[in-house]
N, C-alpha and C. Protein backbone atom coordinates (compact mmCIF):
# COMPACT_ATOMS: atom_id res chain seq x y z
N MET A 1 104.50 118.46 129.91
CA MET A 1 105.87 118.26 129.53
C MET A 1 105.92 117.40 128.28
N GLN A 2 106.96 117.57 127.51
CA GLN A 2 107.13 116.85 126.26
C GLN A 2 108.09 115.67 126.45
N VAL A 3 107.70 114.51 125.94
CA VAL A 3 108.53 113.31 125.97
C VAL A 3 108.50 112.71 124.57
N SER A 4 109.66 112.36 124.03
CA SER A 4 109.68 111.72 122.72
C SER A 4 109.80 110.22 122.89
N VAL A 5 109.09 109.50 122.02
CA VAL A 5 109.08 108.04 122.06
C VAL A 5 109.53 107.54 120.70
N HIS A 6 110.50 106.63 120.69
CA HIS A 6 111.02 106.03 119.47
C HIS A 6 110.70 104.54 119.47
N PHE A 7 110.10 104.07 118.38
CA PHE A 7 109.78 102.66 118.23
C PHE A 7 110.84 102.02 117.33
N TYR A 8 111.27 100.81 117.69
CA TYR A 8 112.31 100.12 116.93
C TYR A 8 111.82 98.76 116.43
N SER A 9 112.47 98.28 115.38
CA SER A 9 112.22 96.99 114.78
C SER A 9 110.74 96.90 114.36
N TYR A 10 110.11 95.75 114.55
CA TYR A 10 108.73 95.59 114.10
C TYR A 10 107.74 96.41 114.93
N PHE A 11 108.17 96.98 116.05
CA PHE A 11 107.28 97.88 116.80
C PHE A 11 106.94 99.11 115.98
N LYS A 12 107.82 99.51 115.05
CA LYS A 12 107.51 100.63 114.15
C LYS A 12 106.29 100.30 113.31
N ASP A 13 106.25 99.07 112.80
CA ASP A 13 105.12 98.64 111.97
C ASP A 13 103.82 98.60 112.79
N LEU A 14 103.92 98.08 114.00
CA LEU A 14 102.73 97.98 114.85
C LEU A 14 102.19 99.35 115.23
N ALA A 15 103.09 100.30 115.45
CA ALA A 15 102.67 101.66 115.83
C ALA A 15 102.31 102.50 114.61
N GLY A 16 102.85 102.13 113.44
CA GLY A 16 102.58 102.91 112.24
C GLY A 16 103.45 104.15 112.13
N CYS A 17 104.47 104.25 112.98
CA CYS A 17 105.41 105.37 112.94
C CYS A 17 106.68 104.95 113.68
N ASP A 18 107.74 105.71 113.47
CA ASP A 18 108.97 105.38 114.19
C ASP A 18 109.21 106.30 115.39
N GLN A 19 108.48 107.41 115.45
CA GLN A 19 108.68 108.36 116.55
C GLN A 19 107.41 109.17 116.77
N ILE A 20 107.19 109.53 118.02
CA ILE A 20 106.06 110.39 118.38
C ILE A 20 106.47 111.24 119.59
N THR A 21 105.93 112.43 119.67
CA THR A 21 106.13 113.27 120.84
C THR A 21 104.82 113.30 121.62
N ILE A 22 104.91 113.01 122.90
CA ILE A 22 103.75 112.94 123.78
C ILE A 22 103.80 114.12 124.76
N THR A 23 102.65 114.74 124.97
CA THR A 23 102.53 115.72 126.05
C THR A 23 101.99 114.97 127.25
N ALA A 24 102.81 114.88 128.29
CA ALA A 24 102.44 114.12 129.48
C ALA A 24 102.38 115.04 130.70
N VAL A 25 101.66 114.61 131.70
CA VAL A 25 101.57 115.37 132.95
C VAL A 25 102.82 115.12 133.78
N GLU A 26 103.21 116.09 134.58
CA GLU A 26 104.35 115.94 135.48
C GLU A 26 104.11 114.74 136.41
N GLY A 27 105.15 113.97 136.64
CA GLY A 27 105.06 112.85 137.57
C GLY A 27 104.59 111.55 136.95
N VAL A 28 104.33 111.53 135.65
CA VAL A 28 103.88 110.29 135.02
C VAL A 28 105.03 109.28 134.99
N THR A 29 104.69 108.03 135.16
CA THR A 29 105.68 106.95 135.13
C THR A 29 105.70 106.32 133.74
N LEU A 30 106.70 105.47 133.52
CA LEU A 30 106.72 104.73 132.26
C LEU A 30 105.46 103.88 132.11
N LYS A 31 104.96 103.35 133.21
CA LYS A 31 103.72 102.57 133.16
C LYS A 31 102.58 103.41 132.59
N GLY A 32 102.45 104.64 133.05
CA GLY A 32 101.42 105.54 132.54
C GLY A 32 101.62 105.86 131.06
N LEU A 33 102.88 106.05 130.67
CA LEU A 33 103.18 106.32 129.27
C LEU A 33 102.82 105.11 128.41
N VAL A 34 103.16 103.91 128.87
CA VAL A 34 102.84 102.69 128.13
C VAL A 34 101.33 102.54 127.98
N GLU A 35 100.58 102.86 129.01
CA GLU A 35 99.11 102.80 128.92
C GLU A 35 98.60 103.77 127.86
N GLU A 36 99.16 104.98 127.82
CA GLU A 36 98.79 105.97 126.80
C GLU A 36 99.14 105.46 125.40
N LEU A 37 100.32 104.91 125.25
CA LEU A 37 100.74 104.39 123.94
C LEU A 37 99.85 103.23 123.50
N SER A 38 99.45 102.38 124.44
CA SER A 38 98.58 101.25 124.12
C SER A 38 97.21 101.72 123.63
N THR A 39 96.74 102.83 124.18
CA THR A 39 95.47 103.40 123.73
C THR A 39 95.61 103.99 122.32
N ARG A 40 96.70 104.70 122.10
CA ARG A 40 96.92 105.34 120.79
C ARG A 40 97.25 104.34 119.69
N PHE A 41 97.95 103.28 120.06
CA PHE A 41 98.42 102.28 119.09
C PHE A 41 97.99 100.89 119.53
N PRO A 42 96.73 100.53 119.30
CA PRO A 42 96.21 99.24 119.79
C PRO A 42 97.01 98.02 119.29
N LYS A 43 97.50 98.06 118.07
CA LYS A 43 98.28 96.92 117.57
C LYS A 43 99.55 96.76 118.39
N TRP A 44 100.20 97.87 118.72
CA TRP A 44 101.39 97.82 119.56
C TRP A 44 101.01 97.44 120.99
N GLY A 45 99.88 97.90 121.44
CA GLY A 45 99.44 97.64 122.81
C GLY A 45 99.37 96.16 123.15
N ALA A 46 99.04 95.33 122.15
CA ALA A 46 98.98 93.90 122.38
C ALA A 46 100.34 93.32 122.73
N MET A 47 101.42 94.01 122.37
CA MET A 47 102.78 93.53 122.62
C MET A 47 103.48 94.28 123.76
N GLN A 48 102.82 95.25 124.35
CA GLN A 48 103.50 96.14 125.29
C GLN A 48 104.06 95.45 126.53
N LYS A 49 103.49 94.32 126.94
CA LYS A 49 103.99 93.65 128.14
C LYS A 49 105.39 93.07 127.94
N CYS A 50 105.76 92.78 126.70
CA CYS A 50 107.08 92.20 126.46
C CYS A 50 108.09 93.25 125.99
N ALA A 51 107.68 94.51 125.90
CA ALA A 51 108.56 95.56 125.40
C ALA A 51 109.68 95.88 126.39
N LEU A 52 110.86 96.11 125.83
CA LEU A 52 111.99 96.62 126.60
C LEU A 52 111.97 98.14 126.43
N ILE A 53 112.12 98.87 127.51
CA ILE A 53 112.00 100.32 127.45
C ILE A 53 113.23 100.97 128.07
N ALA A 54 113.83 101.87 127.30
CA ALA A 54 114.98 102.63 127.78
C ALA A 54 114.62 104.10 127.80
N VAL A 55 115.20 104.80 128.74
CA VAL A 55 115.12 106.26 128.78
C VAL A 55 116.55 106.75 128.64
N GLY A 56 116.80 107.50 127.56
CA GLY A 56 118.17 107.83 127.23
C GLY A 56 118.88 106.55 126.81
N VAL A 57 119.95 106.19 127.50
CA VAL A 57 120.69 104.97 127.16
C VAL A 57 120.56 103.89 128.23
N GLU A 58 119.66 104.09 129.20
CA GLU A 58 119.50 103.14 130.30
C GLU A 58 118.12 102.49 130.25
N TYR A 59 118.08 101.15 130.34
CA TYR A 59 116.80 100.47 130.48
C TYR A 59 116.22 100.85 131.84
N GLN A 60 114.90 101.04 131.87
CA GLN A 60 114.24 101.47 133.09
C GLN A 60 113.03 100.58 133.37
N GLY A 61 112.70 100.47 134.65
CA GLY A 61 111.49 99.77 135.05
C GLY A 61 110.26 100.64 134.82
N ARG A 62 109.11 100.05 134.88
CA ARG A 62 107.87 100.77 134.60
C ARG A 62 107.54 101.80 135.68
N ASP A 63 108.24 101.77 136.81
CA ASP A 63 107.98 102.74 137.88
C ASP A 63 108.84 104.00 137.74
N TYR A 64 109.67 104.07 136.70
CA TYR A 64 110.51 105.24 136.45
C TYR A 64 109.63 106.47 136.21
N ILE A 65 109.93 107.56 136.88
CA ILE A 65 109.18 108.81 136.71
C ILE A 65 109.84 109.63 135.61
N LEU A 66 109.07 109.93 134.57
CA LEU A 66 109.60 110.67 133.42
C LEU A 66 109.87 112.13 133.77
N LYS A 67 110.86 112.65 133.08
CA LYS A 67 111.24 114.07 133.25
C LYS A 67 111.04 114.79 131.92
N PRO A 68 110.83 116.10 131.94
CA PRO A 68 110.67 116.84 130.69
C PRO A 68 111.86 116.61 129.76
N GLY A 69 111.56 116.34 128.50
CA GLY A 69 112.60 116.15 127.50
C GLY A 69 113.17 114.74 127.42
N ASP A 70 112.70 113.82 128.28
CA ASP A 70 113.19 112.45 128.20
C ASP A 70 112.95 111.87 126.81
N GLU A 71 113.89 111.02 126.38
CA GLU A 71 113.74 110.28 125.13
C GLU A 71 113.58 108.81 125.48
N VAL A 72 112.42 108.28 125.15
CA VAL A 72 112.07 106.91 125.48
C VAL A 72 112.21 106.06 124.22
N SER A 73 112.88 104.93 124.35
CA SER A 73 113.04 103.99 123.24
C SER A 73 112.34 102.70 123.60
N VAL A 74 111.56 102.17 122.64
CA VAL A 74 110.78 100.97 122.87
C VAL A 74 111.25 99.90 121.90
N PHE A 75 111.72 98.78 122.46
CA PHE A 75 112.29 97.69 121.67
C PHE A 75 111.49 96.40 121.88
N PRO A 76 111.38 95.56 120.86
CA PRO A 76 110.83 94.23 121.07
C PRO A 76 111.84 93.40 121.86
N PRO A 77 111.41 92.28 122.43
CA PRO A 77 112.29 91.51 123.29
C PRO A 77 113.48 90.86 122.60
N VAL A 78 113.38 90.57 121.32
CA VAL A 78 114.48 89.91 120.62
C VAL A 78 114.81 90.70 119.35
N GLN A 79 116.06 91.04 119.21
CA GLN A 79 116.53 91.72 118.00
C GLN A 79 117.34 90.72 117.19
N GLY A 80 117.12 90.68 115.91
CA GLY A 80 117.92 89.81 115.04
C GLY A 80 119.31 90.35 114.88
N GLY A 81 120.19 89.54 114.38
CA GLY A 81 121.53 90.07 114.25
C GLY A 81 122.37 89.20 113.45
């Protein structure tokens, strides 16, 4: 299944991109996705424990089971304003 991931703020710099599409297995959780992202983007991986993660417009816990076509947004813990 395809899941899109969007990085925001300085997480874009750590990942080296602002968006990526991941092919994931059915039943994968956000925790599994974060582990995959940490492997692909080691600089971002160092910060993954403090990341806020939303699916669509709702923040979700790491036990959330992803569905085909989900859009995942990854935010640092503090946004300037």
